[in-house]
Amino acid sequence: MKVAALYDVHGMPWALEAVLAEAEADAIVFGGDLVWGPYPSETLAIIRALDAVAVRGNTDRDLGDWVAEQLTPDERDWLLSLPVTESVDDVLYCHATPRSDEEIITPATPAETIEEILGGVKERLVVGGHTHMQHRSGRYVNAGSVGMPYEDDVAAYWAVIADDVDFRRTPFDVERAIAETKRSAWPLGESFVRENLEQAPSRDAAIAQFRPAGT
């Protein structure tokens, strides 16, 4: 079974549409942080129109005032009703880790720490996101971020999970995304454009930022 793991879309419908145009898979799993971004309602409409599995991310349960105001009560309730984990084809999908939607795992996390975090998980793989960078550490996989990657490159990042893991990178219309984000009423639109679309966030800088104090 081939599963398209689409994580951290962050309200960027143009990136999502580009990925869906080439995501040939038997199933789609959305890994949370779906709508926190410039176009929450439009992005959610695309997701809910699909026959897809979705798990809840930290920004789906805590939308913030502006994003919450863009959604209907039904849309907000739908996000809050999402499960925190789903098992598909002996793979456990969660937003960050199976025990927390905010726990940090990066390529710098020691293998023994990851195994402790995954203790009790019976599935062959655990797929998460949250830190917006693709990597595999033992049986933990970060699928990357469709809408807000920290990969030294402005594109959409996702993964196909089958017998093995196939990390994918999909270009999208960045100029359109810049124009539409600037045109949105999102209070963070201008800073998001500067920091995530006009330049590519650094993977190494993100790893350093996420590193626990004192390590």
C-alpha atoms as a PDB file:
ATOM      1  CA  MET A   1       0.000   0.000   0.000  1.00  0.00           C
ATOM      2  CA  LYS A   2       1.282   3.460  -0.926  1.00  0.00           C
ATOM      3  CA  VAL A   3       0.284   6.276   1.423  1.00  0.00           C
ATOM      4  CA  ALA A   4       0.918   9.961   0.658  1.00  0.00           C
ATOM      5  CA  ALA A   5       1.854  11.621   3.960  1.00  0.00           C
ATOM      6  CA  LEU A   6       1.075  15.338   3.756  1.00  0.00           C
ATOM      7  CA  TYR A   7       2.045  17.311   6.838  1.00  0.00           C
ATOM      8  CA  ASP A   8       2.075  20.930   7.976  1.00  0.00           C
ATOM      9  CA  VAL A   9       0.156  22.447   5.066  1.00  0.00           C
ATOM     10  CA  HIS A  10      -0.278  25.675   7.059  1.00  0.00           C
ATOM     11  CA  GLY A  11      -3.034  27.278   5.023  1.00  0.00           C
ATOM     12  CA  MET A  12      -1.080  27.259   1.731  1.00  0.00           C
ATOM     13  CA  PRO A  13      -3.528  25.935  -0.894  1.00  0.00           C
ATOM     14  CA  TRP A  14      -1.175  26.490  -3.870  1.00  0.00           C
ATOM     15  CA  ALA A  15       1.466  24.198  -2.385  1.00  0.00           C
ATOM     16  CA  LEU A  16      -1.182  21.621  -1.480  1.00  0.00           C
ATOM     17  CA  GLU A  17      -2.733  21.653  -4.943  1.00  0.00           C
ATOM     18  CA  ALA A  18       0.685  21.125  -6.541  1.00  0.00           C
ATOM     19  CA  VAL A  19       1.319  18.094  -4.335  1.00  0.00           C
ATOM     20  CA  LEU A  20      -2.124  16.595  -4.938  1.00  0.00           C
ATOM     21  CA  ALA A  21      -1.581  16.884  -8.688  1.00  0.00           C
ATOM     22  CA  GLU A  22       1.250  14.364  -8.466  1.00  0.00           C
ATOM     23  CA  ALA A  23       0.368  12.361  -5.356  1.00  0.00           C
ATOM     24  CA  GLU A  24      -0.460   8.974  -6.848  1.00  0.00           C
ATOM     25  CA  ALA A  25      -1.171   6.775  -3.846  1.00  0.00           C
ATOM     26  CA  ASP A  26      -3.687   4.332  -2.425  1.00  0.00           C
ATOM     27  CA  ALA A  27      -4.435   6.633   0.508  1.00  0.00           C
ATOM     28  CA  ILE A  28      -3.678  10.129   1.771  1.00  0.00           C
ATOM     29  CA  VAL A  29      -2.918  10.979   5.386  1.00  0.00           C
ATOM     30  CA  PHE A  30      -2.824  14.599   6.535  1.00  0.00           C
ATOM     31  CA  GLY A  31      -0.559  14.966   9.535  1.00  0.00           C
ATOM     32  CA  GLY A  32      -1.914  18.066  11.229  1.00  0.00           C
ATOM     33  CA  ASP A  33      -1.274  21.818  11.248  1.00  0.00           C
ATOM     34  CA  LEU A  34      -3.605  22.061   8.314  1.00  0.00           C
ATOM     35  CA  VAL A  35      -4.927  25.614   8.310  1.00  0.00           C
ATOM     36  CA  TRP A  36      -2.749  27.960  10.391  1.00  0.00           C
ATOM     37  CA  GLY A  37      -1.681  30.315   7.626  1.00  0.00           C
ATOM     38  CA  PRO A  38      -3.035  32.834   5.122  1.00  0.00           C
ATOM     39  CA  TYR A  39      -5.949  30.856   3.622  1.00  0.00           C
ATOM     40  CA  PRO A  40      -7.378  28.522   6.268  1.00  0.00           C
ATOM     41  CA  SER A  41     -10.901  28.081   4.897  1.00  0.00           C
ATOM     42  CA  GLU A  42      -9.782  27.535   1.308  1.00  0.00           C
ATOM     43  CA  THR A  43      -7.184  24.984   2.391  1.00  0.00           C
ATOM     44  CA  LEU A  44      -9.606  23.112   4.603  1.00  0.00           C
ATOM     45  CA  ALA A  45     -12.168  22.919   1.794  1.00  0.00           C
ATOM     46  CA  ILE A  46      -9.613  21.112  -0.377  1.00  0.00           C
ATOM     47  CA  ILE A  47      -8.738  18.681   2.399  1.00  0.00           C
ATOM     48  CA  ARG A  48     -12.319  17.871   3.372  1.00  0.00           C
ATOM     49  CA  ALA A  49     -13.276  17.218  -0.249  1.00  0.00           C
ATOM     50  CA  LEU A  50     -10.817  14.318  -0.339  1.00  0.00           C
ATOM     51  CA  ASP A  51     -11.298  10.777   0.887  1.00  0.00           C
ATOM     52  CA  ALA A  52      -8.369  11.158   3.275  1.00  0.00           C
ATOM     53  CA  VAL A  53      -7.343  10.375   6.826  1.00  0.00           C
ATOM     54  CA  ALA A  54      -6.313  13.305   9.025  1.00  0.00           C
ATOM     55  CA  VAL A  55      -4.782  13.694  12.465  1.00  0.00           C
ATOM     56  CA  ARG A  56      -4.838  16.838  14.568  1.00  0.00           C
ATOM     57  CA  GLY A  57      -1.826  19.110  15.026  1.00  0.00           C
ATOM     58  CA  ASN A  58      -1.109  21.620  17.754  1.00  0.00           C
ATOM     59  CA  THR A  59      -2.267  24.573  15.639  1.00  0.00           C
ATOM     60  CA  ASP A  60      -5.487  22.742  14.760  1.00  0.00           C
ATOM     61  CA  ARG A  61      -6.509  22.604  18.431  1.00  0.00           C
ATOM     62  CA  ASP A  62      -5.152  26.129  19.121  1.00  0.00           C
ATOM     63  CA  LEU A  63      -5.989  28.111  15.995  1.00  0.00           C
ATOM     64  CA  GLY A  64      -5.344  31.621  17.224  1.00  0.00           C
ATOM     65  CA  ASP A  65      -7.931  34.386  16.950  1.00  0.00           C
ATOM     66  CA  TRP A  66      -7.528  35.387  13.303  1.00  0.00           C
ATOM     67  CA  VAL A  67      -7.502  31.857  11.875  1.00  0.00           C
ATOM     68  CA  ALA A  68     -10.459  30.852  14.057  1.00  0.00           C
ATOM     69  CA  GLU A  69     -12.448  33.819  12.753  1.00  0.00           C
ATOM     70  CA  GLN A  70     -11.952  32.675   9.145  1.00  0.00           C
ATOM     71  CA  LEU A  71     -13.572  29.297   9.852  1.00  0.00           C
ATOM     72  CA  THR A  72     -17.183  28.347  10.475  1.00  0.00           C
ATOM     73  CA  PRO A  73     -18.189  26.653  13.739  1.00  0.00           C
ATOM     74  CA  ASP A  74     -18.518  23.382  11.802  1.00  0.00           C
ATOM     75  CA  GLU A  75     -14.972  23.719  10.434  1.00  0.00           C
ATOM     76  CA  ARG A  76     -13.555  24.472  13.865  1.00  0.00           C
ATOM     77  CA  ASP A  77     -15.431  21.536  15.377  1.00  0.00           C
ATOM     78  CA  TRP A  78     -14.173  19.247  12.604  1.00  0.00           C
ATOM     79  CA  LEU A  79     -10.569  20.161  13.349  1.00  0.00           C
ATOM     80  CA  LEU A  80     -11.020  19.633  17.088  1.00  0.00           C
ATOM     81  CA  SER A  81     -12.654  16.252  16.469  1.00  0.00           C
ATOM     82  CA  LEU A  82      -9.648  14.852  14.617  1.00  0.00           C
ATOM     83  CA  PRO A  83      -7.791  12.014  16.333  1.00  0.00           C
ATOM     84  CA  VAL A  84      -4.247  12.548  17.582  1.00  0.00           C
ATOM     85  CA  THR A  85      -3.014   9.297  15.991  1.00  0.00           C
ATOM     86  CA  GLU A  86      -4.160   6.982  13.217  1.00  0.00           C
ATOM     87  CA  SER A  87      -2.790   3.588  12.212  1.00  0.00           C
ATOM     88  CA  VAL A  88      -2.776   2.807   8.491  1.00  0.00           C
ATOM     89  CA  ASP A  89      -1.139  -0.323   7.040  1.00  0.00           C
ATOM     90  CA  ASP A  90       0.940  -0.953  10.199  1.00  0.00           C
ATOM     91  CA  VAL A  91       2.218   2.645  10.277  1.00  0.00           C
ATOM     92  CA  LEU A  92       1.291   5.056  13.070  1.00  0.00           C
ATOM     93  CA  TYR A  93       0.653   8.643  11.949  1.00  0.00           C
ATOM     94  CA  CYS A  94       0.799  11.474  14.482  1.00  0.00           C
ATOM     95  CA  HIS A  95       1.574  15.178  14.325  1.00  0.00           C
ATOM     96  CA  ALA A  96       4.822  15.290  16.327  1.00  0.00           C
ATOM     97  CA  THR A  97       5.172  12.122  18.415  1.00  0.00           C
ATOM     98  CA  PRO A  98       2.648   9.525  19.589  1.00  0.00           C
ATOM     99  CA  ARG A  99       2.579  11.069  23.069  1.00  0.00           C
ATOM    100  CA  SER A 100       2.505  14.797  22.238  1.00  0.00           C
ATOM    101  CA  ASP A 101       1.595  17.089  19.348  1.00  0.00           C
ATOM    102  CA  GLU A 102       4.430  19.456  20.334  1.00  0.00           C
ATOM    103  CA  GLU A 103       7.329  17.143  21.194  1.00  0.00           C
ATOM    104  CA  ILE A 104      10.468  17.847  19.173  1.00  0.00           C
ATOM    105  CA  ILE A 105      12.380  15.290  17.123  1.00  0.00           C
ATOM    106  CA  THR A 106      14.999  16.515  14.634  1.00  0.00           C
ATOM    107  CA  PRO A 107      17.875  14.850  12.765  1.00  0.00           C
ATOM    108  CA  ALA A 108      20.029  15.760  15.789  1.00  0.00           C
ATOM    109  CA  THR A 109      17.874  13.842  18.291  1.00  0.00           C
ATOM    110  CA  PRO A 110      19.818  10.824  19.657  1.00  0.00           C
ATOM    111  CA  ALA A 111      18.561   7.410  18.552  1.00  0.00           C
ATOM    112  CA  GLU A 112      18.099   6.252  22.142  1.00  0.00           C
ATOM    113  CA  THR A 113      15.876   9.264  22.870  1.00  0.00           C
ATOM    114  CA  ILE A 114      13.706   8.457  19.865  1.00  0.00           C
ATOM    115  CA  GLU A 115      13.349   4.840  20.922  1.00  0.00           C
ATOM    116  CA  GLU A 116      12.293   5.965  24.394  1.00  0.00           C
ATOM    117  CA  ILE A 117       9.688   8.284  22.840  1.00  0.00           C
ATOM    118  CA  LEU A 118       8.358   5.442  20.670  1.00  0.00           C
ATOM    119  CA  GLY A 119       8.230   2.961  23.534  1.00  0.00           C
ATOM    120  CA  GLY A 120       5.050   0.897  23.398  1.00  0.00           C
ATOM    121  CA  VAL A 121       4.319   1.642  19.727  1.00  0.00           C
ATOM    122  CA  LYS A 122       3.731  -1.667  17.963  1.00  0.00           C
ATOM    123  CA  GLU A 123       3.588  -0.366  14.377  1.00  0.00           C
ATOM    124  CA  ARG A 124       6.611  -0.838  12.117  1.00  0.00           C
ATOM    125  CA  LEU A 125       6.982   2.914  11.500  1.00  0.00           C
ATOM    126  CA  VAL A 126       5.878   6.163  13.126  1.00  0.00           C
ATOM    127  CA  VAL A 127       5.361   9.133  10.794  1.00  0.00           C
ATOM    128  CA  GLY A 128       5.331  12.628  12.253  1.00  0.00           C
ATOM    129  CA  GLY A 129       6.027  16.206  11.283  1.00  0.00           C
ATOM    130  CA  HIS A 130       5.880  19.396  13.367  1.00  0.00           C
ATOM    131  CA  THR A 131       9.534  20.406  12.844  1.00  0.00           C
ATOM    132  CA  HIS A 132       9.053  20.909   9.082  1.00  0.00           C
ATOM    133  CA  MET A 133      12.092  18.958   7.843  1.00  0.00           C
ATOM    134  CA  GLN A 134      12.329  15.543   6.237  1.00  0.00           C
ATOM    135  CA  HIS A 135      14.411  12.869   7.934  1.00  0.00           C
ATOM    136  CA  ARG A 136      14.374   9.274   9.048  1.00  0.00           C
ATOM    137  CA  SER A 137      15.787   8.099  12.365  1.00  0.00           C
ATOM    138  CA  GLY A 138      15.273   4.375  12.819  1.00  0.00           C
ATOM    139  CA  ARG A 139      11.539   3.768  12.655  1.00  0.00           C
ATOM    140  CA  TYR A 140      10.651   7.432  13.071  1.00  0.00           C
ATOM    141  CA  VAL A 141       9.990   9.356   9.846  1.00  0.00           C
ATOM    142  CA  ASN A 142       9.372  13.078   9.454  1.00  0.00           C
ATOM    143  CA  ALA A 143       7.442  13.562   6.212  1.00  0.00           C
ATOM    144  CA  GLY A 144       8.406  17.239   5.883  1.00  0.00           C
ATOM    145  CA  SER A 145       6.129  20.237   5.401  1.00  0.00           C
ATOM    146  CA  VAL A 146       3.932  21.002   2.407  1.00  0.00           C
ATOM    147  CA  GLY A 147       3.401  24.663   3.249  1.00  0.00           C
ATOM    148  CA  MET A 148       6.237  25.822   5.502  1.00  0.00           C
ATOM    149  CA  PRO A 149       9.381  23.703   5.059  1.00  0.00           C
ATOM    150  CA  TYR A 150      12.745  24.318   6.683  1.00  0.00           C
ATOM    151  CA  GLU A 151      14.770  22.787   3.863  1.00  0.00           C
ATOM    152  CA  ASP A 152      16.976  25.541   2.355  1.00  0.00           C
ATOM    153  CA  ASP A 153      14.530  25.562  -0.559  1.00  0.00           C
ATOM    154  CA  VAL A 154      11.084  26.990  -1.273  1.00  0.00           C
ATOM    155  CA  ALA A 155       8.983  24.010  -2.372  1.00  0.00           C
ATOM    156  CA  ALA A 156       6.483  21.541  -0.924  1.00  0.00           C
ATOM    157  CA  TYR A 157       7.920  18.546   0.940  1.00  0.00           C
ATOM    158  CA  TRP A 158       6.058  15.313   1.647  1.00  0.00           C
ATOM    159  CA  ALA A 159       6.568  11.548   1.624  1.00  0.00           C
ATOM    160  CA  VAL A 160       5.206   8.331   0.178  1.00  0.00           C
ATOM    161  CA  ILE A 161       5.083   5.575   2.768  1.00  0.00           C
ATOM    162  CA  ALA A 162       5.067   2.017   1.439  1.00  0.00           C
ATOM    163  CA  ASP A 163       7.441  -0.861   2.168  1.00  0.00           C
ATOM    164  CA  ASP A 164      10.074   1.869   2.328  1.00  0.00           C
ATOM    165  CA  VAL A 165       9.968   5.665   2.625  1.00  0.00           C
ATOM    166  CA  ASP A 166      10.200   7.880  -0.463  1.00  0.00           C
ATOM    167  CA  PHE A 167      10.777  11.547   0.362  1.00  0.00           C
ATOM    168  CA  ARG A 168       9.321  13.915  -2.228  1.00  0.00           C
ATOM    169  CA  ARG A 169       9.841  17.559  -3.212  1.00  0.00           C
ATOM    170  CA  THR A 170       7.209  19.341  -5.341  1.00  0.00           C
ATOM    171  CA  PRO A 171       7.688  22.808  -6.885  1.00  0.00           C
ATOM    172  CA  PHE A 172       4.760  25.206  -6.770  1.00  0.00           C
ATOM    173  CA  ASP A 173       4.036  28.709  -8.042  1.00  0.00           C
ATOM    174  CA  VAL A 174       5.970  30.689  -5.453  1.00  0.00           C
ATOM    175  CA  GLU A 175       5.319  34.061  -7.073  1.00  0.00           C
ATOM    176  CA  ARG A 176       1.589  33.459  -6.925  1.00  0.00           C
ATOM    177  CA  ALA A 177       1.886  32.339  -3.303  1.00  0.00           C
ATOM    178  CA  ILE A 178       3.752  35.546  -2.457  1.00  0.00           C
ATOM    179  CA  ALA A 179       1.168  37.734  -4.174  1.00  0.00           C
ATOM    180  CA  GLU A 180      -1.816  35.940  -2.650  1.00  0.00           C
ATOM    181  CA  THR A 181      -0.321  35.881   0.836  1.00  0.00           C
ATOM    182  CA  LYS A 182       0.382  39.610   0.683  1.00  0.00           C
ATOM    183  CA  ARG A 183      -3.196  40.116  -0.507  1.00  0.00           C
ATOM    184  CA  SER A 184      -4.642  38.105   2.376  1.00  0.00           C
ATOM    185  CA  ALA A 185      -5.759  39.724   5.611  1.00  0.00           C
ATOM    186  CA  TRP A 186      -3.549  37.410   7.678  1.00  0.00           C
ATOM    187  CA  PRO A 187      -1.725  39.608  10.222  1.00  0.00           C
ATOM    188  CA  LEU A 188       1.452  37.543   9.761  1.00  0.00           C
ATOM    189  CA  GLY A 189       1.299  37.576   5.960  1.00  0.00           C
ATOM    190  CA  GLU A 190       4.106  40.060   5.303  1.00  0.00           C
ATOM    191  CA  SER A 191       6.533  38.388   7.714  1.00  0.00           C
ATOM    192  CA  PHE A 192       5.650  34.940   6.374  1.00  0.00           C
ATOM    193  CA  VAL A 193       6.451  36.097   2.845  1.00  0.00           C
ATOM    194  CA  ARG A 194       9.799  37.545   3.912  1.00  0.00           C
ATOM    195  CA  GLU A 195      10.845  34.576   6.006  1.00  0.00           C
ATOM    196  CA  ASN A 196       9.379  31.605   4.121  1.00  0.00           C
ATOM    197  CA  LEU A 197       8.674  32.498   0.487  1.00  0.00           C
ATOM    198  CA  GLU A 198      11.104  35.204  -0.613  1.00  0.00           C
ATOM    199  CA  GLN A 199      13.904  33.249   1.025  1.00  0.00           C
ATOM    200  CA  ALA A 200      14.240  29.631   2.110  1.00  0.00           C
ATOM    201  CA  PRO A 201      14.460  28.904   5.836  1.00  0.00           C
ATOM    202  CA  SER A 202      17.682  27.149   6.776  1.00  0.00           C
ATOM    203  CA  ARG A 203      17.513  23.508   7.820  1.00  0.00           C
ATOM    204  CA  ASP A 204      20.636  23.824   9.982  1.00  0.00           C
ATOM    205  CA  ALA A 205      19.298  26.959  11.678  1.00  0.00           C
ATOM    206  CA  ALA A 206      15.999  25.206  12.422  1.00  0.00           C
ATOM    207  CA  ILE A 207      17.772  22.206  13.936  1.00  0.00           C
ATOM    208  CA  ALA A 208      19.803  24.539  16.153  1.00  0.00           C
ATOM    209  CA  GLN A 209      16.678  26.472  17.139  1.00  0.00           C
ATOM    210  CA  PHE A 210      14.849  23.298  18.132  1.00  0.00           C
ATOM    211  CA  ARG A 211      17.759  21.875  20.123  1.00  0.00           C
ATOM    212  CA  PRO A 212      16.938  21.660  23.849  1.00  0.00           C
ATOM    213  CA  ALA A 213      18.785  24.140  26.051  1.00  0.00           C
ATOM    214  CA  GLY A 214      22.043  22.816  27.450  1.00  0.00           C
ATOM    215  CA  THR A 215      22.616  20.198  24.728  1.00  0.00           C
END
